[in-house]
Amino acid sequence: MKQILIIGVLFFLISCKSNFVAEGNYEKVGSDFSYSLKLNKDSTFVLIKKYFEGSGSCIGKWRIVNSNQVILECNKATVIESLASGYISDRIMTLKIIKPKKLKLDNVIMHKVEIQ
């Protein structure tokens, strides 16, 4: 009986593992903004935020922290980049994994885009 219980618990824990595959393109387009995120297999990323009044971008490295978080760490910006309109001042950002094909950054939920 103990063995069956242990096997059942192990099976449950394995089945709860996230089936999240990070690599790919994510986006959200609103009426006056858009977010575009590309997570590459080599752990690099490109984030572009466009607003009515300006746009900003960030390039850097990403990593999965746990089953529901991804950390984006932007490369150091030049002085000119940091003075530009739309500059992304948060150089470390946390994405929440909502579902296997949905990531949340701030209050924006981005959906994975299948490119053919």
PDB file of N, CA and C in Angstrom:
ATOM      1  N   MET A   1       0.817  -1.192   0.000  1.00  0.00           N
ATOM      2  CA  MET A   1       0.000   0.000   0.000  1.00  0.00           C
ATOM      3  C   MET A   1       0.865   1.262   0.000  1.00  0.00           C
ATOM      4  N   LYS A   2       1.936   1.244   0.798  1.00  0.00           N
ATOM      5  CA  LYS A   2       2.842   2.387   0.860  1.00  0.00           C
ATOM      6  C   LYS A   2       3.476   2.651  -0.498  1.00  0.00           C
ATOM      7  N   GLN A   3       3.864   1.572  -1.189  1.00  0.00           N
ATOM      8  CA  GLN A   3       4.512   1.720  -2.490  1.00  0.00           C
ATOM      9  C   GLN A   3       3.561   2.352  -3.509  1.00  0.00           C
ATOM     10  N   ILE A   4       2.316   1.947  -3.474  1.00  0.00           N
ATOM     11  CA  ILE A   4       1.333   2.502  -4.395  1.00  0.00           C
ATOM     12  C   ILE A   4       1.142   3.993  -4.120  1.00  0.00           C
ATOM     13  N   LEU A   5       1.104   4.366  -2.856  1.00  0.00           N
ATOM     14  CA  LEU A   5       0.950   5.767  -2.480  1.00  0.00           C
ATOM     15  C   LEU A   5       2.159   6.597  -2.938  1.00  0.00           C
ATOM     16  N   ILE A   6       3.354   6.083  -2.741  1.00  0.00           N
ATOM     17  CA  ILE A   6       4.572   6.783  -3.155  1.00  0.00           C
ATOM     18  C   ILE A   6       4.603   6.939  -4.671  1.00  0.00           C
ATOM     19  N   ILE A   7       4.275   5.887  -5.387  1.00  0.00           N
ATOM     20  CA  ILE A   7       4.243   5.950  -6.851  1.00  0.00           C
ATOM     21  C   ILE A   7       3.196   6.958  -7.313  1.00  0.00           C
ATOM     22  N   GLY A   8       2.053   6.987  -6.657  1.00  0.00           N
ATOM     23  CA  GLY A   8       0.994   7.944  -6.995  1.00  0.00           C
ATOM     24  C   GLY A   8       1.434   9.382  -6.776  1.00  0.00           C
ATOM     25  N   VAL A   9       2.104   9.648  -5.661  1.00  0.00           N
ATOM     26  CA  VAL A   9       2.591  10.996  -5.376  1.00  0.00           C
ATOM     27  C   VAL A   9       3.641  11.407  -6.403  1.00  0.00           C
ATOM     28  N   LEU A  10       4.577  10.514  -6.739  1.00  0.00           N
ATOM     29  CA  LEU A  10       5.598  10.822  -7.739  1.00  0.00           C
ATOM     30  C   LEU A  10       4.965  11.108  -9.103  1.00  0.00           C
ATOM     31  N   PHE A  11       4.004  10.308  -9.485  1.00  0.00           N
ATOM     32  CA  PHE A  11       3.311  10.523 -10.753  1.00  0.00           C
ATOM     33  C   PHE A  11       2.630  11.885 -10.769  1.00  0.00           C
ATOM     34  N   PHE A  12       1.999  12.258  -9.651  1.00  0.00           N
ATOM     35  CA  PHE A  12       1.328  13.553  -9.546  1.00  0.00           C
ATOM     36  C   PHE A  12       2.327  14.693  -9.698  1.00  0.00           C
ATOM     37  N   LEU A  13       3.463  14.607  -9.025  1.00  0.00           N
ATOM     38  CA  LEU A  13       4.472  15.665  -9.089  1.00  0.00           C
ATOM     39  C   LEU A  13       5.042  15.809 -10.496  1.00  0.00           C
ATOM     40  N   ILE A  14       5.281  14.703 -11.158  1.00  0.00           N
ATOM     41  CA  ILE A  14       5.805  14.738 -12.527  1.00  0.00           C
ATOM     42  C   ILE A  14       4.770  15.336 -13.475  1.00  0.00           C
ATOM     43  N   SER A  15       3.510  14.996 -13.292  1.00  0.00           N
ATOM     44  CA  SER A  15       2.468  15.497 -14.189  1.00  0.00           C
ATOM     45  C   SER A  15       2.204  16.981 -13.985  1.00  0.00           C
ATOM     46  N   CYS A  16       2.576  17.538 -12.829  1.00  0.00           N
ATOM     47  CA  CYS A  16       2.377  18.965 -12.565  1.00  0.00           C
ATOM     48  C   CYS A  16       3.463  19.833 -13.187  1.00  0.00           C
ATOM     49  N   LYS A  17       4.496  19.228 -13.698  1.00  0.00           N
ATOM     50  CA  LYS A  17       5.582  19.995 -14.300  1.00  0.00           C
ATOM     51  C   LYS A  17       5.053  20.809 -15.472  1.00  0.00           C
ATOM     52  N   SER A  18       5.487  22.045 -15.557  1.00  0.00           N
ATOM     53  CA  SER A  18       5.034  22.930 -16.618  1.00  0.00           C
ATOM     54  C   SER A  18       5.503  22.428 -17.977  1.00  0.00           C
ATOM     55  N   ASN A  19       4.635  22.552 -18.973  1.00  0.00           N
ATOM     56  CA  ASN A  19       5.025  22.194 -20.330  1.00  0.00           C
ATOM     57  C   ASN A  19       5.361  23.458 -21.121  1.00  0.00           C
ATOM     58  N   PHE A  20       5.860  24.474 -20.438  1.00  0.00           N
ATOM     59  CA  PHE A  20       6.217  25.754 -21.024  1.00  0.00           C
ATOM     60  C   PHE A  20       7.505  25.641 -21.834  1.00  0.00           C
ATOM     61  N   VAL A  21       7.442  26.039 -23.076  1.00  0.00           N
ATOM     62  CA  VAL A  21       8.620  26.125 -23.934  1.00  0.00           C
ATOM     63  C   VAL A  21       8.803  27.603 -24.226  1.00  0.00           C
ATOM     64  N   ALA A  22       9.857  28.173 -23.682  1.00  0.00           N
ATOM     65  CA  ALA A  22      10.033  29.623 -23.712  1.00  0.00           C
ATOM     66  C   ALA A  22      10.343  30.183 -25.088  1.00  0.00           C
ATOM     67  N   GLU A  23      11.201  29.535 -25.847  1.00  0.00           N
ATOM     68  CA  GLU A  23      11.665  30.103 -27.105  1.00  0.00           C
ATOM     69  C   GLU A  23      10.496  30.442 -28.014  1.00  0.00           C
ATOM     70  N   GLY A  24      10.620  31.593 -28.662  1.00  0.00           N
ATOM     71  CA  GLY A  24       9.586  31.986 -29.610  1.00  0.00           C
ATOM     72  C   GLY A  24       9.293  33.470 -29.550  1.00  0.00           C
ATOM     73  N   ASN A  25       8.277  33.866 -30.290  1.00  0.00           N
ATOM     74  CA  ASN A  25       7.864  35.262 -30.388  1.00  0.00           C
ATOM     75  C   ASN A  25       6.543  35.460 -29.664  1.00  0.00           C
ATOM     76  N   TYR A  26       6.473  36.518 -28.874  1.00  0.00           N
ATOM     77  CA  TYR A  26       5.280  36.858 -28.118  1.00  0.00           C
ATOM     78  C   TYR A  26       4.914  38.295 -28.453  1.00  0.00           C
ATOM     79  N   GLU A  27       3.607  38.582 -28.474  1.00  0.00           N
ATOM     80  CA  GLU A  27       3.218  39.957 -28.743  1.00  0.00           C
ATOM     81  C   GLU A  27       1.854  40.284 -28.165  1.00  0.00           C
ATOM     82  N   LYS A  28       1.645  41.565 -27.989  1.00  0.00           N
ATOM     83  CA  LYS A  28       0.345  42.114 -27.605  1.00  0.00           C
ATOM     84  C   LYS A  28       0.208  43.435 -28.331  1.00  0.00           C
ATOM     85  N   VAL A  29      -0.885  43.598 -29.058  1.00  0.00           N
ATOM     86  CA  VAL A  29      -1.142  44.833 -29.785  1.00  0.00           C
ATOM     87  C   VAL A  29      -2.432  45.429 -29.247  1.00  0.00           C
ATOM     88  N   GLY A  30      -2.326  46.637 -28.723  1.00  0.00           N
ATOM     89  CA  GLY A  30      -3.487  47.368 -28.232  1.00  0.00           C
ATOM     90  C   GLY A  30      -3.817  48.517 -29.167  1.00  0.00           C
ATOM     91  N   SER A  31      -4.763  49.341 -28.763  1.00  0.00           N
ATOM     92  CA  SER A  31      -5.167  50.459 -29.634  1.00  0.00           C
ATOM     93  C   SER A  31      -4.085  51.524 -29.754  1.00  0.00           C
ATOM     94  N   ASP A  32      -3.279  51.730 -28.701  1.00  0.00           N
ATOM     95  CA  ASP A  32      -2.236  52.750 -28.769  1.00  0.00           C
ATOM     96  C   ASP A  32      -0.879  52.260 -28.268  1.00  0.00           C
ATOM     97  N   PHE A  33      -0.689  50.950 -28.266  1.00  0.00           N
ATOM     98  CA  PHE A  33       0.591  50.393 -27.834  1.00  0.00           C
ATOM     99  C   PHE A  33       0.789  49.013 -28.446  1.00  0.00           C
ATOM    100  N   SER A  34       2.029  48.551 -28.421  1.00  0.00           N
ATOM    101  CA  SER A  34       2.315  47.156 -28.787  1.00  0.00           C
ATOM    102  C   SER A  34       3.567  46.711 -28.041  1.00  0.00           C
ATOM    103  N   TYR A  35       3.572  45.464 -27.656  1.00  0.00           N
ATOM    104  CA  TYR A  35       4.726  44.815 -27.033  1.00  0.00           C
ATOM    105  C   TYR A  35       5.125  43.668 -27.932  1.00  0.00           C
ATOM    106  N   SER A  36       6.409  43.527 -28.170  1.00  0.00           N
ATOM    107  CA  SER A  36       6.931  42.423 -28.966  1.00  0.00           C
ATOM    108  C   SER A  36       8.155  41.862 -28.235  1.00  0.00           C
ATOM    109  N   LEU A  37       8.152  40.559 -28.023  1.00  0.00           N
ATOM    110  CA  LEU A  37       9.249  39.904 -27.313  1.00  0.00           C
ATOM    111  C   LEU A  37       9.683  38.680 -28.091  1.00  0.00           C
ATOM    112  N   LYS A  38      10.974  38.592 -28.358  1.00  0.00           N
ATOM    113  CA  LYS A  38      11.525  37.406 -29.017  1.00  0.00           C
ATOM    114  C   LYS A  38      12.509  36.759 -28.055  1.00  0.00           C
ATOM    115  N   LEU A  39      12.211  35.515 -27.639  1.00  0.00           N
ATOM    116  CA  LEU A  39      13.097  34.732 -26.791  1.00  0.00           C
ATOM    117  C   LEU A  39      13.818  33.718 -27.667  1.00  0.00           C
ATOM    118  N   ASN A  40      15.126  33.846 -27.779  1.00  0.00           N
ATOM    119  CA  ASN A  40      15.928  32.967 -28.617  1.00  0.00           C
ATOM    120  C   ASN A  40      16.419  31.748 -27.835  1.00  0.00           C
ATOM    121  N   LYS A  41      16.734  30.683 -28.565  1.00  0.00           N
ATOM    122  CA  LYS A  41      17.224  29.447 -27.941  1.00  0.00           C
ATOM    123  C   LYS A  41      18.539  29.632 -27.207  1.00  0.00           C
ATOM    124  N   ASP A  42      19.344  30.610 -27.634  1.00  0.00           N
ATOM    125  CA  ASP A  42      20.635  30.837 -26.983  1.00  0.00           C
ATOM    126  C   ASP A  42      20.527  31.723 -25.736  1.00  0.00           C
ATOM    127  N   SER A  43      19.306  31.880 -25.208  1.00  0.00           N
ATOM    128  CA  SER A  43      19.001  32.662 -23.997  1.00  0.00           C
ATOM    129  C   SER A  43      19.153  34.168 -24.177  1.00  0.00           C
ATOM    130  N   THR A  44      19.135  34.643 -25.412  1.00  0.00           N
ATOM    131  CA  THR A  44      19.103  36.075 -25.653  1.00  0.00           C
ATOM    132  C   THR A  44      17.663  36.471 -25.981  1.00  0.00           C
ATOM    133  N   PHE A  45      17.370  37.765 -25.839  1.00  0.00           N
ATOM    134  CA  PHE A  45      16.026  38.236 -26.154  1.00  0.00           C
ATOM    135  C   PHE A  45      16.077  39.645 -26.723  1.00  0.00           C
ATOM    136  N   VAL A  46      14.972  40.012 -27.368  1.00  0.00           N
ATOM    137  CA  VAL A  46      14.750  41.378 -27.842  1.00  0.00           C
ATOM    138  C   VAL A  46      13.335  41.754 -27.428  1.00  0.00           C
ATOM    139  N   LEU A  47      13.216  42.835 -26.668  1.00  0.00           N
ATOM    140  CA  LEU A  47      11.919  43.352 -26.234  1.00  0.00           C
ATOM    141  C   LEU A  47      11.729  44.729 -26.850  1.00  0.00           C
ATOM    142  N   ILE A  48      10.571  44.940 -27.493  1.00  0.00           N
ATOM    143  CA  ILE A  48      10.243  46.240 -28.079  1.00  0.00           C
ATOM    144  C   ILE A  48       8.878  46.664 -27.548  1.00  0.00           C
ATOM    145  N   LYS A  49       8.853  47.848 -26.955  1.00  0.00           N
ATOM    146  CA  LYS A  49       7.610  48.447 -26.477  1.00  0.00           C
ATOM    147  C   LYS A  49       7.357  49.697 -27.314  1.00  0.00           C
ATOM    148  N   LYS A  50       6.200  49.754 -27.950  1.00  0.00           N
ATOM    149  CA  LYS A  50       5.838  50.921 -28.760  1.00  0.00           C
ATOM    150  C   LYS A  50       4.588  51.555 -28.163  1.00  0.00           C
ATOM    151  N   TYR A  51       4.655  52.875 -28.011  1.00  0.00           N
ATOM    152  CA  TYR A  51       3.534  53.649 -27.508  1.00  0.00           C
ATOM    153  C   TYR A  51       3.249  54.777 -28.478  1.00  0.00           C
ATOM    154  N   PHE A  52       2.141  55.452 -28.263  1.00  0.00           N
ATOM    155  CA  PHE A  52       1.767  56.576 -29.106  1.00  0.00           C
ATOM    156  C   PHE A  52       2.854  57.650 -29.096  1.00  0.00           C
ATOM    157  N   GLU A  53       3.434  57.906 -27.918  1.00  0.00           N
ATOM    158  CA  GLU A  53       4.402  58.987 -27.787  1.00  0.00           C
ATOM    159  C   GLU A  53       5.856  58.578 -27.966  1.00  0.00           C
ATOM    160  N   GLY A  54       6.147  57.311 -28.152  1.00  0.00           N
ATOM    161  CA  GLY A  54       7.530  56.884 -28.347  1.00  0.00           C
ATOM    162  C   GLY A  54       7.663  55.379 -28.256  1.00  0.00           C
ATOM    163  N   SER A  55       8.882  54.917 -28.428  1.00  0.00           N
ATOM    164  CA  SER A  55       9.117  53.481 -28.332  1.00  0.00           C
ATOM    165  C   SER A  55      10.468  53.239 -27.672  1.00  0.00           C
ATOM    166  N   GLY A  56      10.604  52.049 -27.106  1.00  0.00           N
ATOM    167  CA  GLY A  56      11.851  51.661 -26.474  1.00  0.00           C
ATOM    168  C   GLY A  56      12.132  50.195 -26.735  1.00  0.00           C
ATOM    169  N   SER A  57      13.387  49.844 -26.607  1.00  0.00           N
ATOM    170  CA  SER A  57      13.747  48.444 -26.815  1.00  0.00           C
ATOM    171  C   SER A  57      14.816  48.044 -25.812  1.00  0.00           C
ATOM    172  N   CYS A  58      14.956  46.755 -25.674  1.00  0.00           N
ATOM    173  CA  CYS A  58      15.904  46.196 -24.717  1.00  0.00           C
ATOM    174  C   CYS A  58      16.403  44.868 -25.286  1.00  0.00           C
ATOM    175  N   ILE A  59      17.695  44.660 -25.247  1.00  0.00           N
ATOM    176  CA  ILE A  59      18.315  43.416 -25.691  1.00  0.00           C
ATOM    177  C   ILE A  59      19.116  42.871 -24.518  1.00  0.00           C
ATOM    178  N   GLY A  60      19.060  41.569 -24.319  1.00  0.00           N
ATOM    179  CA  GLY A  60      19.810  41.000 -23.208  1.00  0.00           C
ATOM    180  C   GLY A  60      19.678  39.494 -23.128  1.00  0.00           C
ATOM    181  N   LYS A  61      19.752  38.980 -21.896  1.00  0.00           N
ATOM    182  CA  LYS A  61      19.680  37.532 -21.631  1.00  0.00           C
ATOM    183  C   LYS A  61      18.435  37.235 -20.809  1.00  0.00           C
ATOM    184  N   TRP A  62      17.850  36.063 -21.042  1.00  0.00           N
ATOM    185  CA  TRP A  62      16.702  35.620 -20.266  1.00  0.00           C
ATOM    186  C   TRP A  62      17.017  34.279 -19.627  1.00  0.00           C
ATOM    187  N   ARG A  63      16.269  33.980 -18.550  1.00  0.00           N
ATOM    188  CA  ARG A  63      16.396  32.679 -17.877  1.00  0.00           C
ATOM    189  C   ARG A  63      15.093  32.359 -17.163  1.00  0.00           C
ATOM    190  N   ILE A  64      14.798  31.078 -17.096  1.00  0.00           N
ATOM    191  CA  ILE A  64      13.630  30.613 -16.356  1.00  0.00           C
ATOM    192  C   ILE A  64      14.045  30.436 -14.900  1.00  0.00           C
ATOM    193  N   VAL A  65      13.325  31.077 -13.984  1.00  0.00           N
ATOM    194  CA  VAL A  65      13.646  31.015 -12.563  1.00  0.00           C
ATOM    195  C   VAL A  65      12.965  29.813 -11.915  1.00  0.00           C
ATOM    196  N   ASN A  66      11.683  29.660 -12.184  1.00  0.00           N
ATOM    197  CA  ASN A  66      10.914  28.522 -11.666  1.00  0.00           C
ATOM    198  C   ASN A  66       9.769  28.245 -12.632  1.00  0.00           C
ATOM    199  N   SER A  67       8.819  27.456 -12.222  1.00  0.00           N
ATOM    200  CA  SER A  67       7.766  27.027 -13.141  1.00  0.00           C
ATOM    201  C   SER A  67       6.822  28.142 -13.568  1.00  0.00           C
ATOM    202  N   ASN A  68       6.919  29.313 -12.938  1.00  0.00           N
ATOM    203  CA  ASN A  68       6.018  30.390 -13.351  1.00  0.00           C
ATOM    204  C   ASN A  68       6.696  31.748 -13.533  1.00  0.00           C
ATOM    205  N   GLN A  69       8.036  31.772 -13.624  1.00  0.00           N
ATOM    206  CA  GLN A  69       8.719  33.051 -13.803  1.00  0.00           C
ATOM    207  C   GLN A  69       9.888  32.959 -14.776  1.00  0.00           C
ATOM    208  N   VAL A  70      10.005  34.007 -15.590  1.00  0.00           N
ATOM    209  CA  VAL A  70      11.130  34.189 -16.492  1.00  0.00           C
ATOM    210  C   VAL A  70      11.723  35.561 -16.181  1.00  0.00           C
ATOM    211  N   ILE A  71      13.040  35.628 -16.060  1.00  0.00           N
ATOM    212  CA  ILE A  71      13.720  36.897 -15.795  1.00  0.00           C
ATOM    213  C   ILE A  71      14.377  37.387 -17.083  1.00  0.00           C
ATOM    214  N   LEU A  72      14.158  38.667 -17.397  1.00  0.00           N
ATOM    215  CA  LEU A  72      14.824  39.337 -18.513  1.00  0.00           C
ATOM    216  C   LEU A  72      15.850  40.299 -17.926  1.00  0.00           C
ATOM    217  N   GLU A  73      17.098  40.179 -18.345  1.00  0.00           N
ATOM    218  CA  GLU A  73      18.149  41.097 -17.898  1.00  0.00           C
ATOM    219  C   GLU A  73      18.694  41.833 -19.119  1.00  0.00           C
ATOM    220  N   CYS A  74      18.389  43.129 -19.199  1.00  0.00           N
ATOM    221  CA  CYS A  74      18.807  43.947 -20.340  1.00  0.00           C
ATOM    222  C   CYS A  74      20.297  44.249 -20.270  1.00  0.00           C
ATOM    223  N   ASN A  75      20.907  44.334 -21.437  1.00  0.00           N
ATOM    224  CA  ASN A  75      22.298  44.772 -21.522  1.00  0.00           C
ATOM    225  C   ASN A  75      22.392  46.223 -21.064  1.00  0.00           C
ATOM    226  N   LYS A  76      23.578  46.634 -20.686  1.00  0.00           N
ATOM    227  CA  LYS A  76      23.805  48.012 -20.265  1.00  0.00           C
ATOM    228  C   LYS A  76      23.547  48.945 -21.450  1.00  0.00           C
ATOM    229  N   ALA A  77      22.824  50.030 -21.178  1.00  0.00           N
ATOM    230  CA  ALA A  77      22.485  50.989 -22.228  1.00  0.00           C
ATOM    231  C   ALA A  77      23.544  52.077 -22.321  1.00  0.00           C
ATOM    232  N   THR A  78      23.700  52.609 -23.525  1.00  0.00           N
ATOM    233  CA  THR A  78      24.596  53.746 -23.708  1.00  0.00           C
ATOM    234  C   THR A  78      23.909  55.000 -23.167  1.00  0.00           C
ATOM    235  N   VAL A  79      24.663  56.060 -22.991  1.00  0.00           N
ATOM    236  CA  VAL A  79      24.097  57.324 -22.505  1.00  0.00           C
ATOM    237  C   VAL A  79      23.041  57.840 -23.473  1.00  0.00           C
ATOM    238  N   ILE A  80      23.310  57.736 -24.757  1.00  0.00           N
ATOM    239  CA  ILE A  80      22.370  58.215 -25.779  1.00  0.00           C
ATOM    240  C   ILE A  80      21.067  57.407 -25.710  1.00  0.00           C
ATOM    241  N   GLU A  81      21.166  56.100 -25.569  1.00  0.00           N
ATOM    242  CA  GLU A  81      19.971  55.255 -25.456  1.00  0.00           C
ATOM    243  C   GLU A  81      19.164  55.616 -24.214  1.00  0.00           C
ATOM    244  N   SER A  82      19.847  55.884 -23.105  1.00  0.00           N
ATOM    245  CA  SER A  82      19.143  56.178 -21.863  1.00  0.00           C
ATOM    246  C   SER A  82      18.444  57.530 -21.886  1.00  0.00           C
ATOM    247  N   LEU A  83      18.842  58.420 -22.783  1.00  0.00           N
ATOM    248  CA  LEU A  83      18.198  59.727 -22.911  1.00  0.00           C
ATOM    249  C   LEU A  83      17.066  59.727 -23.939  1.00  0.00           C
ATOM    250  N   ALA A  84      16.941  58.677 -24.697  1.00  0.00           N
ATOM    251  CA  ALA A  84      15.941  58.606 -25.766  1.00  0.00           C
ATOM    252  C   ALA A  84      14.531  58.465 -25.197  1.00  0.00           C
ATOM    253  N   SER A  85      13.573  58.967 -25.949  1.00  0.00           N
ATOM    254  CA  SER A  85      12.162  58.832 -25.582  1.00  0.00           C
ATOM    255  C   SER A  85      11.778  57.356 -25.597  1.00  0.00           C
ATOM    256  N   GLY A  86      11.087  56.912 -24.581  1.00  0.00           N
ATOM    257  CA  GLY A  86      10.655  55.522 -24.512  1.00  0.00           C
ATOM    258  C   GLY A  86      11.678  54.594 -23.897  1.00  0.00           C
ATOM    259  N   TYR A  87      12.783  55.138 -23.393  1.00  0.00           N
ATOM    260  CA  TYR A  87      13.834  54.305 -22.786  1.00  0.00           C
ATOM    261  C   TYR A  87      13.244  53.406 -21.705  1.00  0.00           C
ATOM    262  N   ILE A  88      13.597  52.130 -21.736  1.00  0.00           N
ATOM    263  CA  ILE A  88      13.130  51.161 -20.735  1.00  0.00           C
ATOM    264  C   ILE A  88      14.096  51.225 -19.556  1.00  0.00           C
ATOM    265  N   SER A  89      13.671  51.881 -18.505  1.00  0.00           N
ATOM    266  CA  SER A  89      14.558  52.092 -17.355  1.00  0.00           C
ATOM    267  C   SER A  89      14.694  50.847 -16.486  1.00  0.00           C
ATOM    268  N   ASP A  90      13.684  49.983 -16.477  1.00  0.00           N
ATOM    269  CA  ASP A  90      13.781  48.723 -15.728  1.00  0.00           C
ATOM    270  C   ASP A  90      14.700  47.789 -16.504  1.00  0.00           C
ATOM    271  N   ARG A  91      15.903  47.572 -16.021  1.00  0.00           N
ATOM    272  CA  ARG A  91      16.872  46.758 -16.748  1.00  0.00           C
ATOM    273  C   ARG A  91      16.756  45.277 -16.376  1.00  0.00           C
ATOM    274  N   ILE A  92      16.035  44.959 -15.306  1.00  0.00           N
ATOM    275  CA  ILE A  92      15.719  43.575 -14.947  1.00  0.00           C
ATOM    276  C   ILE A  92      14.209  43.495 -14.781  1.00  0.00           C
ATOM    277  N   MET A  93      13.589  42.621 -15.560  1.00  0.00           N
ATOM    278  CA  MET A  93      12.133  42.487 -15.545  1.00  0.00           C
ATOM    279  C   MET A  93      11.742  41.039 -15.292  1.00  0.00           C
ATOM    280  N   THR A  94      10.616  40.853 -14.638  1.00  0.00           N
ATOM    281  CA  THR A  94      10.101  39.516 -14.362  1.00  0.00           C
ATOM    282  C   THR A  94       8.845  39.278 -15.180  1.00  0.00           C
ATOM    283  N   LEU A  95       8.851  38.198 -15.941  1.00  0.00           N
ATOM    284  CA  LEU A  95       7.673  37.762 -16.688  1.00  0.00           C
ATOM    285  C   LEU A  95       6.995  36.665 -15.890  1.00  0.00           C
ATOM    286  N   LYS A  96       5.691  36.682 -15.852  1.00  0.00           N
ATOM    287  CA  LYS A  96       4.946  35.606 -15.216  1.00  0.00           C
ATOM    288  C   LYS A  96       4.414  34.682 -16.314  1.00  0.00           C
ATOM    289  N   ILE A  97       4.643  33.395 -16.154  1.00  0.00           N
ATOM    290  CA  ILE A  97       4.124  32.410 -17.108  1.00  0.00           C
ATOM    291  C   ILE A  97       2.669  32.150 -16.728  1.00  0.00           C
ATOM    292  N   ILE A  98       1.749  32.587 -17.570  1.00  0.00           N
ATOM    293  CA  ILE A  98       0.317  32.414 -17.315  1.00  0.00           C
ATOM    294  C   ILE A  98      -0.132  31.029 -17.777  1.00  0.00           C
ATOM    295  N   LYS A  99       0.194  30.704 -18.996  1.00  0.00           N
ATOM    296  CA  LYS A  99      -0.111  29.424 -19.634  1.00  0.00           C
ATOM    297  C   LYS A  99       1.068  29.117 -20.539  1.00  0.00           C
ATOM    298  N   PRO A 100       1.125  27.922 -21.116  1.00  0.00           N
ATOM    299  CA  PRO A 100       2.265  27.596 -21.982  1.00  0.00           C
ATOM    300  C   PRO A 100       2.518  28.587 -23.112  1.00  0.00           C
ATOM    301  N   LYS A 101       1.514  29.323 -23.551  1.00  0.00           N
ATOM    302  CA  LYS A 101       1.706  30.264 -24.653  1.00  0.00           C
ATOM    303  C   LYS A 101       1.344  31.694 -24.272  1.00  0.00           C
ATOM    304  N   LYS A 102       1.376  32.009 -22.959  1.00  0.00           N
ATOM    305  CA  LYS A 102       1.049  33.356 -22.496  1.00  0.00           C
ATOM    306  C   LYS A 102       2.042  33.792 -21.430  1.00  0.00           C
ATOM    307  N   LEU A 103       2.575  35.005 -21.610  1.00  0.00           N
ATOM    308  CA  LEU A 103       3.489  35.609 -20.640  1.00  0.00           C
ATOM    309  C   LEU A 103       2.937  36.972 -20.236  1.00  0.00           C
ATOM    310  N   LYS A 104       3.088  37.309 -18.963  1.00  0.00           N
ATOM    311  CA  LYS A 104       2.617  38.599 -18.468  1.00  0.00           C
ATOM    312  C   LYS A 104       3.798  39.456 -18.056  1.00  0.00           C
ATOM    313  N   LEU A 105       3.893  40.648 -18.628  1.00  0.00           N
ATOM    314  CA  LEU A 105       4.904  41.641 -18.282  1.00  0.00           C
ATOM    315  C   LEU A 105       4.149  42.883 -17.837  1.00  0.00           C
ATOM    316  N   ASP A 106       4.401  43.317 -16.605  1.00  0.00           N
ATOM    317  CA  ASP A 106       3.634  44.418 -16.018  1.00  0.00           C
ATOM    318  C   ASP A 106       2.158  43.979 -16.009  1.00  0.00           C
ATOM    319  N   ASN A 107       1.295  44.736 -16.644  1.00  0.00           N
ATOM    320  CA  ASN A 107      -0.124  44.365 -16.729  1.00  0.00           C
ATOM    321  C   ASN A 107      -0.513  43.917 -18.131  1.00  0.00           C
ATOM    322  N   VAL A 108       0.478  43.587 -18.938  1.00  0.00           N
ATOM    323  CA  VAL A 108       0.248  43.223 -20.341  1.00  0.00           C
ATOM    324  C   VAL A 108       0.473  41.730 -20.517  1.00  0.00           C
ATOM    325  N   ILE A 109      -0.522  41.046 -21.068  1.00  0.00           N
ATOM    326  CA  ILE A 109      -0.397  39.615 -21.353  1.00  0.00           C
ATOM    327  C   ILE A 109      -0.084  39.442 -22.830  1.00  0.00           C
ATOM    328  N   MET A 110       1.086  38.871 -23.094  1.00  0.00           N
ATOM    329  CA  MET A 110       1.525  38.634 -24.470  1.00  0.00           C
ATOM    330  C   MET A 110       1.245  37.183 -24.842  1.00  0.00           C
ATOM    331  N   HIS A 111       0.844  36.974 -26.075  1.00  0.00           N
ATOM    332  CA  HIS A 111       0.538  35.644 -26.594  1.00  0.00           C
ATOM    333  C   HIS A 111       1.645  35.194 -27.544  1.00  0.00           C
ATOM    334  N   LYS A 112       1.939  33.904 -27.517  1.00  0.00           N
ATOM    335  CA  LYS A 112       2.944  33.360 -28.422  1.00  0.00           C
ATOM    336  C   LYS A 112       2.400  33.390 -29.844  1.00  0.00           C
ATOM    337  N   VAL A 113       3.254  33.834 -30.751  1.00  0.00           N
ATOM    338  CA  VAL A 113       2.893  33.945 -32.162  1.00  0.00           C
ATOM    339  C   VAL A 113       3.627  32.855 -32.915  1.00  0.00           C
ATOM    340  N   GLU A 114       2.879  32.053 -33.643  1.00  0.00           N
ATOM    341  CA  GLU A 114       3.474  30.995 -34.449  1.00  0.00           C
ATOM    342  C   GLU A 114       3.865  31.568 -35.802  1.00  0.00           C
ATOM    343  N   ILE A 115       5.157  31.603 -36.095  1.00  0.00           N
ATOM    344  CA  ILE A 115       5.636  32.128 -37.365  1.00  0.00           C
ATOM    345  C   ILE A 115       5.851  30.965 -38.321  1.00  0.00           C
ATOM    346  N   GLN A 116       5.339  31.117 -39.523  1.00  0.00           N
ATOM    347  CA  GLN A 116       5.432  30.019 -40.491  1.00  0.00           C
ATOM    348  C   GLN A 116       6.447  30.286 -41.544  1.00  0.00           C
TER     349      GLN A 116
END
